[in-house]
PDB file of N, CA and C in Angstrom:
ATOM      1  N   UNK A   1       1.243  -4.812 -16.654  1.00  0.00           N
ATOM      2  CA  UNK A   1       1.822  -3.654 -16.000  1.00  0.00           C
ATOM      3  C   UNK A   1       1.787  -2.449 -16.942  1.00  0.00           C
ATOM      4  N   UNK A   2       1.602  -1.301 -16.357  1.00  0.00           N
ATOM      5  CA  UNK A   2       1.516  -0.061 -17.124  1.00  0.00           C
ATOM      6  C   UNK A   2       2.690   0.859 -16.793  1.00  0.00           C
ATOM      7  N   UNK A   3       2.983   1.749 -17.723  1.00  0.00           N
ATOM      8  CA  UNK A   3       4.043   2.729 -17.507  1.00  0.00           C
ATOM      9  C   UNK A   3       3.471   3.957 -16.806  1.00  0.00           C
ATOM     10  N   UNK A   4       4.219   4.471 -15.828  1.00  0.00           N
ATOM     11  CA  UNK A   4       3.850   5.676 -15.094  1.00  0.00           C
ATOM     12  C   UNK A   4       5.095   6.520 -14.876  1.00  0.00           C
ATOM     13  N   UNK A   5       4.877   7.812 -14.651  1.00  0.00           N
ATOM     14  CA  UNK A   5       5.943   8.720 -14.244  1.00  0.00           C
ATOM     15  C   UNK A   5       5.518   9.379 -12.947  1.00  0.00           C
ATOM     16  N   UNK A   6       6.437   9.415 -11.999  1.00  0.00           N
ATOM     17  CA  UNK A   6       6.184  10.056 -10.711  1.00  0.00           C
ATOM     18  C   UNK A   6       7.086  11.279 -10.623  1.00  0.00           C
ATOM     19  N   UNK A   7       6.486  12.459 -10.619  1.00  0.00           N
ATOM     20  CA  UNK A   7       7.260  13.683 -10.440  1.00  0.00           C
ATOM     21  C   UNK A   7       7.117  14.131  -9.003  1.00  0.00           C
ATOM     22  N   UNK A   8       8.242  14.433  -8.368  1.00  0.00           N
ATOM     23  CA  UNK A   8       8.228  14.923  -6.997  1.00  0.00           C
ATOM     24  C   UNK A   8       8.991  16.228  -6.919  1.00  0.00           C
ATOM     25  N   UNK A   9       8.552  17.091  -6.020  1.00  0.00           N
ATOM     26  CA  UNK A   9       9.263  18.318  -5.703  1.00  0.00           C
ATOM     27  C   UNK A   9       9.605  18.233  -4.220  1.00  0.00           C
ATOM     28  N   UNK A  10      10.900  18.225  -3.924  1.00  0.00           N
ATOM     29  CA  UNK A  10      11.375  18.156  -2.545  1.00  0.00           C
ATOM     30  C   UNK A  10      11.704  19.554  -2.024  1.00  0.00           C
ATOM     31  N   UNK A  11      11.722  19.684  -0.721  1.00  0.00           N
ATOM     32  CA  UNK A  11      11.993  20.959  -0.065  1.00  0.00           C
ATOM     33  C   UNK A  11      13.377  21.490  -0.449  1.00  0.00           C
ATOM     34  N   UNK A  12      13.529  22.798  -0.604  1.00  0.00           N
ATOM     35  CA  UNK A  12      14.812  23.358  -1.028  1.00  0.00           C
ATOM     36  C   UNK A  12      15.874  23.384   0.064  1.00  0.00           C
ATOM     37  N   UNK A  13      15.474  23.204   1.332  1.00  0.00           N
ATOM     38  CA  UNK A  13      16.468  23.245   2.409  1.00  0.00           C
ATOM     39  C   UNK A  13      17.236  21.930   2.563  1.00  0.00           C
ATOM     40  N   UNK A  14      16.890  20.909   1.801  1.00  0.00           N
ATOM     41  CA  UNK A  14      17.631  19.650   1.820  1.00  0.00           C
ATOM     42  C   UNK A  14      18.878  19.780   0.943  1.00  0.00           C
ATOM     43  N   UNK A  15      19.904  18.992   1.256  1.00  0.00           N
ATOM     44  CA  UNK A  15      21.102  18.981   0.424  1.00  0.00           C
ATOM     45  C   UNK A  15      20.890  18.018  -0.745  1.00  0.00           C
ATOM     46  N   UNK A  16      21.770  18.090  -1.727  1.00  0.00           N
ATOM     47  CA  UNK A  16      21.635  17.195  -2.877  1.00  0.00           C
ATOM     48  C   UNK A  16      21.836  15.742  -2.474  1.00  0.00           C
ATOM     49  N   UNK A  17      22.689  15.492  -1.462  1.00  0.00           N
ATOM     50  CA  UNK A  17      22.856  14.125  -0.960  1.00  0.00           C
ATOM     51  C   UNK A  17      21.581  13.621  -0.303  1.00  0.00           C
ATOM     52  N   UNK A  18      20.884  14.503   0.419  1.00  0.00           N
ATOM     53  CA  UNK A  18      19.607  14.131   1.033  1.00  0.00           C
ATOM     54  C   UNK A  18      18.567  13.811  -0.039  1.00  0.00           C
ATOM     55  N   UNK A  19      18.552  14.590  -1.102  1.00  0.00           N
ATOM     56  CA  UNK A  19      17.604  14.353  -2.196  1.00  0.00           C
ATOM     57  C   UNK A  19      17.882  12.997  -2.832  1.00  0.00           C
ATOM     58  N   UNK A  20      19.165  12.714  -3.066  1.00  0.00           N
ATOM     59  CA  UNK A  20      19.560  11.421  -3.645  1.00  0.00           C
ATOM     60  C   UNK A  20      19.111  10.269  -2.750  1.00  0.00           C
ATOM     61  N   UNK A  21      19.262  10.444  -1.425  1.00  0.00           N
ATOM     62  CA  UNK A  21      18.844   9.413  -0.477  1.00  0.00           C
ATOM     63  C   UNK A  21      17.325   9.234  -0.488  1.00  0.00           C
ATOM     64  N   UNK A  22      16.585  10.330  -0.582  1.00  0.00           N
ATOM     65  CA  UNK A  22      15.118  10.249  -0.608  1.00  0.00           C
ATOM     66  C   UNK A  22      14.619   9.568  -1.884  1.00  0.00           C
ATOM     67  N   UNK A  23      15.264   9.833  -3.017  1.00  0.00           N
ATOM     68  CA  UNK A  23      14.883   9.181  -4.265  1.00  0.00           C
ATOM     69  C   UNK A  23      15.205   7.692  -4.195  1.00  0.00           C
ATOM     70  N   UNK A  24      16.329   7.346  -3.569  1.00  0.00           N
ATOM     71  CA  UNK A  24      16.687   5.934  -3.397  1.00  0.00           C
ATOM     72  C   UNK A  24      15.676   5.235  -2.495  1.00  0.00           C
ATOM     73  N   UNK A  25      15.221   5.922  -1.435  1.00  0.00           N
ATOM     74  CA  UNK A  25      14.174   5.364  -0.563  1.00  0.00           C
ATOM     75  C   UNK A  25      12.881   5.151  -1.346  1.00  0.00           C
ATOM     76  N   UNK A  26      12.538   6.112  -2.200  1.00  0.00           N
ATOM     77  CA  UNK A  26      11.335   5.980  -3.020  1.00  0.00           C
ATOM     78  C   UNK A  26      11.452   4.783  -3.956  1.00  0.00           C
ATOM     79  N   UNK A  27      12.619   4.604  -4.569  1.00  0.00           N
ATOM     80  CA  UNK A  27      12.825   3.460  -5.469  1.00  0.00           C
ATOM     81  C   UNK A  27      12.730   2.144  -4.703  1.00  0.00           C
ATOM     82  N   UNK A  28      13.259   2.094  -3.477  1.00  0.00           N
ATOM     83  CA  UNK A  28      13.155   0.885  -2.659  1.00  0.00           C
ATOM     84  C   UNK A  28      11.702   0.597  -2.303  1.00  0.00           C
ATOM     85  N   UNK A  29      10.944   1.638  -1.966  1.00  0.00           N
ATOM     86  CA  UNK A  29       9.524   1.464  -1.656  1.00  0.00           C
ATOM     87  C   UNK A  29       8.772   0.953  -2.871  1.00  0.00           C
ATOM     88  N   UNK A  30       9.109   1.501  -4.049  1.00  0.00           N
ATOM     89  CA  UNK A  30       8.460   1.061  -5.277  1.00  0.00           C
ATOM     90  C   UNK A  30       8.763  -0.410  -5.554  1.00  0.00           C
ATOM     91  N   UNK A  31      10.005  -0.813  -5.373  1.00  0.00           N
ATOM     92  CA  UNK A  31      10.384  -2.216  -5.600  1.00  0.00           C
ATOM     93  C   UNK A  31       9.660  -3.140  -4.633  1.00  0.00           C
ATOM     94  N   UNK A  32       9.539  -2.722  -3.372  1.00  0.00           N
ATOM     95  CA  UNK A  32       8.839  -3.529  -2.376  1.00  0.00           C
ATOM     96  C   UNK A  32       7.337  -3.595  -2.660  1.00  0.00           C
ATOM     97  N   UNK A  33       6.808  -2.612  -3.361  1.00  0.00           N
ATOM     98  CA  UNK A  33       5.384  -2.587  -3.698  1.00  0.00           C
ATOM     99  C   UNK A  33       5.066  -3.364  -4.974  1.00  0.00           C
ATOM    100  N   UNK A  34       6.094  -3.898  -5.633  1.00  0.00           N
ATOM    101  CA  UNK A  34       5.865  -4.681  -6.834  1.00  0.00           C
ATOM    102  C   UNK A  34       6.079  -3.913  -8.132  1.00  0.00           C
ATOM    103  N   UNK A  35       6.508  -2.676  -8.045  1.00  0.00           N
ATOM    104  CA  UNK A  35       6.772  -1.879  -9.243  1.00  0.00           C
ATOM    105  C   UNK A  35       8.244  -2.016  -9.619  1.00  0.00           C
ATOM    106  N   UNK A  36       8.536  -1.779 -10.890  1.00  0.00           N
ATOM    107  CA  UNK A  36       9.931  -1.797 -11.320  1.00  0.00           C
ATOM    108  C   UNK A  36      10.297  -0.421 -11.868  1.00  0.00           C
ATOM    109  N   UNK A  37      11.423   0.103 -11.400  1.00  0.00           N
ATOM    110  CA  UNK A  37      11.900   1.421 -11.816  1.00  0.00           C
ATOM    111  C   UNK A  37      12.636   1.270 -13.132  1.00  0.00           C
ATOM    112  N   UNK A  38      12.228   2.033 -14.140  1.00  0.00           N
ATOM    113  CA  UNK A  38      12.861   1.954 -15.451  1.00  0.00           C
ATOM    114  C   UNK A  38      13.813   3.111 -15.711  1.00  0.00           C
ATOM    115  N   UNK A  39      13.571   4.260 -15.069  1.00  0.00           N
ATOM    116  CA  UNK A  39      14.413   5.430 -15.327  1.00  0.00           C
ATOM    117  C   UNK A  39      14.258   6.428 -14.194  1.00  0.00           C
ATOM    118  N   UNK A  40      15.328   7.159 -13.907  1.00  0.00           N
ATOM    119  CA  UNK A  40      15.250   8.246 -12.934  1.00  0.00           C
ATOM    120  C   UNK A  40      15.928   9.459 -13.528  1.00  0.00           C
ATOM    121  N   UNK A  41      15.354  10.619 -13.271  1.00  0.00           N
ATOM    122  CA  UNK A  41      15.871  11.854 -13.839  1.00  0.00           C
ATOM    123  C   UNK A  41      15.787  12.942 -12.773  1.00  0.00           C
ATOM    124  N   UNK A  42      16.934  13.408 -12.305  1.00  0.00           N
ATOM    125  CA  UNK A  42      16.980  14.476 -11.310  1.00  0.00           C
ATOM    126  C   UNK A  42      17.178  15.802 -12.033  1.00  0.00           C
ATOM    127  N   UNK A  43      16.251  16.720 -11.863  1.00  0.00           N
ATOM    128  CA  UNK A  43      16.309  17.996 -12.555  1.00  0.00           C
ATOM    129  C   UNK A  43      17.054  19.062 -11.774  1.00  0.00           C
ATOM    130  N   UNK A  44      17.239  18.856 -10.473  1.00  0.00           N
ATOM    131  CA  UNK A  44      17.914  19.853  -9.648  1.00  0.00           C
ATOM    132  C   UNK A  44      16.941  20.885  -9.095  1.00  0.00           C
ATOM    133  N   UNK A  45      17.518  21.958  -8.566  1.00  0.00           N
ATOM    134  CA  UNK A  45      16.705  22.994  -7.930  1.00  0.00           C
ATOM    135  C   UNK A  45      16.167  23.944  -8.991  1.00  0.00           C
ATOM    136  N   UNK A  46      14.861  24.172  -8.950  1.00  0.00           N
ATOM    137  CA  UNK A  46      14.190  25.053  -9.908  1.00  0.00           C
ATOM    138  C   UNK A  46      13.305  26.045  -9.149  1.00  0.00           C
ATOM    139  N   UNK A  47      13.135  27.205  -9.732  1.00  0.00           N
ATOM    140  CA  UNK A  47      12.254  28.225  -9.156  1.00  0.00           C
ATOM    141  C   UNK A  47      10.807  27.925  -9.565  1.00  0.00           C
ATOM    142  N   UNK A  48       9.879  28.120  -8.613  1.00  0.00           N
ATOM    143  CA  UNK A  48       8.457  27.916  -8.874  1.00  0.00           C
ATOM    144  C   UNK A  48       7.875  29.127  -9.602  1.00  0.00           C
ATOM    145  N   UNK A  49       6.805  28.918 -10.318  1.00  0.00           N
ATOM    146  CA  UNK A  49       6.081  30.017 -10.949  1.00  0.00           C
ATOM    147  C   UNK A  49       5.315  30.824  -9.898  1.00  0.00           C
ATOM    148  N   UNK A  50       4.925  30.176  -8.803  1.00  0.00           N
ATOM    149  CA  UNK A  50       4.241  30.838  -7.695  1.00  0.00           C
ATOM    150  C   UNK A  50       4.642  30.110  -6.412  1.00  0.00           C
ATOM    151  N   UNK A  51       4.477  30.760  -5.281  1.00  0.00           N
ATOM    152  CA  UNK A  51       4.877  30.164  -4.009  1.00  0.00           C
ATOM    153  C   UNK A  51       3.972  29.000  -3.631  1.00  0.00           C
ATOM    154  N   UNK A  52       4.585  27.967  -3.084  1.00  0.00           N
ATOM    155  CA  UNK A  52       3.873  26.810  -2.552  1.00  0.00           C
ATOM    156  C   UNK A  52       4.298  26.661  -1.107  1.00  0.00           C
ATOM    157  N   UNK A  53       3.370  26.784  -0.180  1.00  0.00           N
ATOM    158  CA  UNK A  53       3.670  26.692   1.256  1.00  0.00           C
ATOM    159  C   UNK A  53       4.802  27.643   1.653  1.00  0.00           C
ATOM    160  N   UNK A  54       4.776  28.856   1.146  1.00  0.00           N
ATOM    161  CA  UNK A  54       5.762  29.908   1.419  1.00  0.00           C
ATOM    162  C   UNK A  54       7.168  29.552   0.918  1.00  0.00           C
ATOM    163  N   UNK A  55       7.266  28.666  -0.048  1.00  0.00           N
ATOM    164  CA  UNK A  55       8.535  28.309  -0.676  1.00  0.00           C
ATOM    165  C   UNK A  55       8.533  28.816  -2.112  1.00  0.00           C
ATOM    166  N   UNK A  56       9.690  29.245  -2.603  1.00  0.00           N
ATOM    167  CA  UNK A  56       9.753  29.764  -3.962  1.00  0.00           C
ATOM    168  C   UNK A  56      10.578  28.877  -4.891  1.00  0.00           C
ATOM    169  N   UNK A  57      11.181  27.797  -4.344  1.00  0.00           N
ATOM    170  CA  UNK A  57      11.944  26.867  -5.177  1.00  0.00           C
ATOM    171  C   UNK A  57      11.959  25.488  -4.531  1.00  0.00           C
ATOM    172  N   UNK A  58      12.371  24.481  -5.317  1.00  0.00           N
ATOM    173  CA  UNK A  58      12.431  23.118  -4.811  1.00  0.00           C
ATOM    174  C   UNK A  58      13.215  22.235  -5.768  1.00  0.00           C
ATOM    175  N   UNK A  59      13.543  21.032  -5.310  1.00  0.00           N
ATOM    176  CA  UNK A  59      14.275  20.049  -6.114  1.00  0.00           C
ATOM    177  C   UNK A  59      13.282  19.155  -6.856  1.00  0.00           C
ATOM    178  N   UNK A  60      13.383  19.139  -8.162  1.00  0.00           N
ATOM    179  CA  UNK A  60      12.496  18.334  -9.002  1.00  0.00           C
ATOM    180  C   UNK A  60      13.156  17.003  -9.353  1.00  0.00           C
ATOM    181  N   UNK A  61      12.349  15.959  -9.424  1.00  0.00           N
ATOM    182  CA  UNK A  61      12.833  14.652  -9.890  1.00  0.00           C
ATOM    183  C   UNK A  61      11.678  13.917 -10.556  1.00  0.00           C
ATOM    184  N   UNK A  62      12.026  13.076 -11.532  1.00  0.00           N
ATOM    185  CA  UNK A  62      11.036  12.258 -12.233  1.00  0.00           C
ATOM    186  C   UNK A  62      11.543  10.821 -12.219  1.00  0.00           C
ATOM    187  N   UNK A  63      10.692   9.906 -11.748  1.00  0.00           N
ATOM    188  CA  UNK A  63      11.015   8.486 -11.728  1.00  0.00           C
ATOM    189  C   UNK A  63       9.999   7.775 -12.611  1.00  0.00           C
ATOM    190  N   UNK A  64      10.480   7.071 -13.622  1.00  0.00           N
ATOM    191  CA  UNK A  64       9.615   6.292 -14.510  1.00  0.00           C
ATOM    192  C   UNK A  64       9.532   4.866 -13.984  1.00  0.00           C
ATOM    193  N   UNK A  65       8.309   4.330 -13.919  1.00  0.00           N
ATOM    194  CA  UNK A  65       8.112   2.986 -13.364  1.00  0.00           C
ATOM    195  C   UNK A  65       7.155   2.196 -14.240  1.00  0.00           C
ATOM    196  N   UNK A  66       7.136   0.896 -13.989  1.00  0.00           N
ATOM    197  CA  UNK A  66       6.103   0.006 -14.511  1.00  0.00           C
ATOM    198  C   UNK A  66       5.448  -0.626 -13.295  1.00  0.00           C
ATOM    199  N   UNK A  67       4.123  -0.488 -13.220  1.00  0.00           N
ATOM    200  CA  UNK A  67       3.408  -0.984 -12.042  1.00  0.00           C
ATOM    201  C   UNK A  67       1.972  -1.314 -12.407  1.00  0.00           C
ATOM    202  N   UNK A  68       1.355  -2.080 -11.532  1.00  0.00           N
ATOM    203  CA  UNK A  68      -0.067  -2.351 -11.623  1.00  0.00           C
ATOM    204  C   UNK A  68      -0.824  -1.138 -11.079  1.00  0.00           C
ATOM    205  N   UNK A  69      -2.009  -0.853 -11.613  1.00  0.00           N
ATOM    206  CA  UNK A  69      -2.753   0.322 -11.148  1.00  0.00           C
ATOM    207  C   UNK A  69      -3.064   0.299  -9.649  1.00  0.00           C
ATOM    208  N   UNK A  70      -3.243  -0.865  -9.068  1.00  0.00           N
ATOM    209  CA  UNK A  70      -3.568  -0.961  -7.642  1.00  0.00           C
ATOM    210  C   UNK A  70      -2.450  -0.532  -6.721  1.00  0.00           C
ATOM    211  N   UNK A  71      -1.216  -0.604  -7.165  1.00  0.00           N
ATOM    212  CA  UNK A  71      -0.085  -0.222  -6.302  1.00  0.00           C
ATOM    213  C   UNK A  71       0.079   1.289  -6.198  1.00  0.00           C
ATOM    214  N   UNK A  72      -0.564   2.040  -7.064  1.00  0.00           N
ATOM    215  CA  UNK A  72      -0.398   3.496  -7.044  1.00  0.00           C
ATOM    216  C   UNK A  72      -1.004   4.135  -5.805  1.00  0.00           C
ATOM    217  N   UNK A  73      -2.017   3.512  -5.226  1.00  0.00           N
ATOM    218  CA  UNK A  73      -2.631   4.077  -4.027  1.00  0.00           C
ATOM    219  C   UNK A  73      -1.644   4.151  -2.878  1.00  0.00           C
ATOM    220  N   UNK A  74      -0.868   3.092  -2.651  1.00  0.00           N
ATOM    221  CA  UNK A  74       0.094   3.097  -1.553  1.00  0.00           C
ATOM    222  C   UNK A  74       1.248   4.064  -1.833  1.00  0.00           C
ATOM    223  N   UNK A  75       1.651   4.175  -3.091  1.00  0.00           N
ATOM    224  CA  UNK A  75       2.712   5.115  -3.463  1.00  0.00           C
ATOM    225  C   UNK A  75       2.239   6.552  -3.254  1.00  0.00           C
ATOM    226  N   UNK A  76       1.012   6.836  -3.681  1.00  0.00           N
ATOM    227  CA  UNK A  76       0.439   8.171  -3.518  1.00  0.00           C
ATOM    228  C   UNK A  76       0.330   8.540  -2.048  1.00  0.00           C
ATOM    229  N   UNK A  77      -0.101   7.602  -1.230  1.00  0.00           N
ATOM    230  CA  UNK A  77      -0.240   7.860   0.211  1.00  0.00           C
ATOM    231  C   UNK A  77       1.111   8.115   0.860  1.00  0.00           C
ATOM    232  N   UNK A  78       2.132   7.335   0.486  1.00  0.00           N
ATOM    233  CA  UNK A  78       3.461   7.513   1.056  1.00  0.00           C
ATOM    234  C   UNK A  78       4.017   8.892   0.714  1.00  0.00           C
ATOM    235  N   UNK A  79       3.849   9.332  -0.530  1.00  0.00           N
ATOM    236  CA  UNK A  79       4.354  10.642  -0.931  1.00  0.00           C
ATOM    237  C   UNK A  79       3.554  11.775  -0.302  1.00  0.00           C
ATOM    238  N   UNK A  80       2.264  11.555  -0.104  1.00  0.00           N
ATOM    239  CA  UNK A  80       1.416  12.567   0.523  1.00  0.00           C
ATOM    240  C   UNK A  80       1.819  12.803   1.981  1.00  0.00           C
ATOM    241  N   UNK A  81       2.230  11.746   2.671  1.00  0.00           N
ATOM    242  CA  UNK A  81       2.597  11.852   4.081  1.00  0.00           C
ATOM    243  C   UNK A  81       4.049  12.257   4.309  1.00  0.00           C
ATOM    244  N   UNK A  82       4.883  12.230   3.276  1.00  0.00           N
ATOM    245  CA  UNK A  82       6.303  12.573   3.422  1.00  0.00           C
ATOM    246  C   UNK A  82       6.446  14.083   3.620  1.00  0.00           C
ATOM    247  N   UNK A  83       7.096  14.474   4.715  1.00  0.00           N
ATOM    248  CA  UNK A  83       7.266  15.892   5.022  1.00  0.00           C
ATOM    249  C   UNK A  83       8.203  16.601   4.056  1.00  0.00           C
ATOM    250  N   UNK A  84       9.169  15.873   3.505  1.00  0.00           N
ATOM    251  CA  UNK A  84      10.151  16.508   2.628  1.00  0.00           C
ATOM    252  C   UNK A  84       9.633  16.716   1.203  1.00  0.00           C
ATOM    253  N   UNK A  85       8.484  16.132   0.875  1.00  0.00           N
ATOM    254  CA  UNK A  85       7.900  16.279  -0.464  1.00  0.00           C
ATOM    255  C   UNK A  85       6.883  17.425  -0.436  1.00  0.00           C
ATOM    256  N   UNK A  86       7.156  18.456  -1.247  1.00  0.00           N
ATOM    257  CA  UNK A  86       6.262  19.611  -1.318  1.00  0.00           C
ATOM    258  C   UNK A  86       5.044  19.270  -2.168  1.00  0.00           C
ATOM    259  N   UNK A  87       5.286  18.695  -3.350  1.00  0.00           N
ATOM    260  CA  UNK A  87       4.225  18.274  -4.262  1.00  0.00           C
ATOM    261  C   UNK A  87       4.665  17.004  -4.988  1.00  0.00           C
ATOM    262  N   UNK A  88       3.693  16.244  -5.455  1.00  0.00           N
ATOM    263  CA  UNK A  88       3.983  15.080  -6.288  1.00  0.00           C
ATOM    264  C   UNK A  88       2.823  14.862  -7.260  1.00  0.00           C
ATOM    265  N   UNK A  89       3.138  14.194  -8.338  1.00  0.00           N
ATOM    266  CA  UNK A  89       2.107  13.895  -9.332  1.00  0.00           C
ATOM    267  C   UNK A  89       2.474  12.589 -10.012  1.00  0.00           C
ATOM    268  N   UNK A  90       1.488  11.708 -10.203  1.00  0.00           N
ATOM    269  CA  UNK A  90       1.675  10.437 -10.878  1.00  0.00           C
ATOM    270  C   UNK A  90       0.866  10.483 -12.167  1.00  0.00           C
ATOM    271  N   UNK A  91       1.530  10.282 -13.296  1.00  0.00           N
ATOM    272  CA  UNK A  91       0.846  10.366 -14.592  1.00  0.00           C
ATOM    273  C   UNK A  91       1.242   9.173 -15.453  1.00  0.00           C
ATOM    274  N   UNK A  92       0.375   8.875 -16.420  1.00  0.00           N
ATOM    275  CA  UNK A  92       0.712   7.908 -17.467  1.00  0.00           C
ATOM    276  C   UNK A  92       1.217   8.686 -18.663  1.00  0.00           C
ATOM    277  N   UNK A  93       2.434   8.431 -19.118  1.00  0.00           N
ATOM    278  CA  UNK A  93       2.930   9.174 -20.281  1.00  0.00           C
ATOM    279  C   UNK A  93       2.089   8.856 -21.519  1.00  0.00           C
ATOM    280  N   UNK A  94       1.930   9.844 -22.369  1.00  0.00           N
ATOM    281  CA  UNK A  94       1.142   9.624 -23.591  1.00  0.00           C
ATOM    282  C   UNK A  94       1.891   8.718 -24.545  1.00  0.00           C
ATOM    283  N   UNK A  95       1.132   7.949 -25.261  1.00  0.00           N
ATOM    284  CA  UNK A  95       1.732   6.955 -26.152  1.00  0.00           C
ATOM    285  C   UNK A  95       2.165   7.577 -27.455  1.00  0.00           C
TER     286      UNK A  95
END
């Protein structure tokens, strides 16, 4: 298993409770996909450097996981189809 970080930006019109629920759903999906969540970090609402889909801010979060490379495809697809996620990125942290 390899270490990965998933950064997501959620829509700013959601409440903080909604964001917490969405991150919990993401963690449940990750667990069901065979990944294990090692850390979660909610950054809160931040202003963008430039507009994305006519939005100027969003809720940032980073979830650290351990997973097999093959499971990332389903995670990427789920985040791509989620309406509440403005952007997401999956990276391997540098050693």
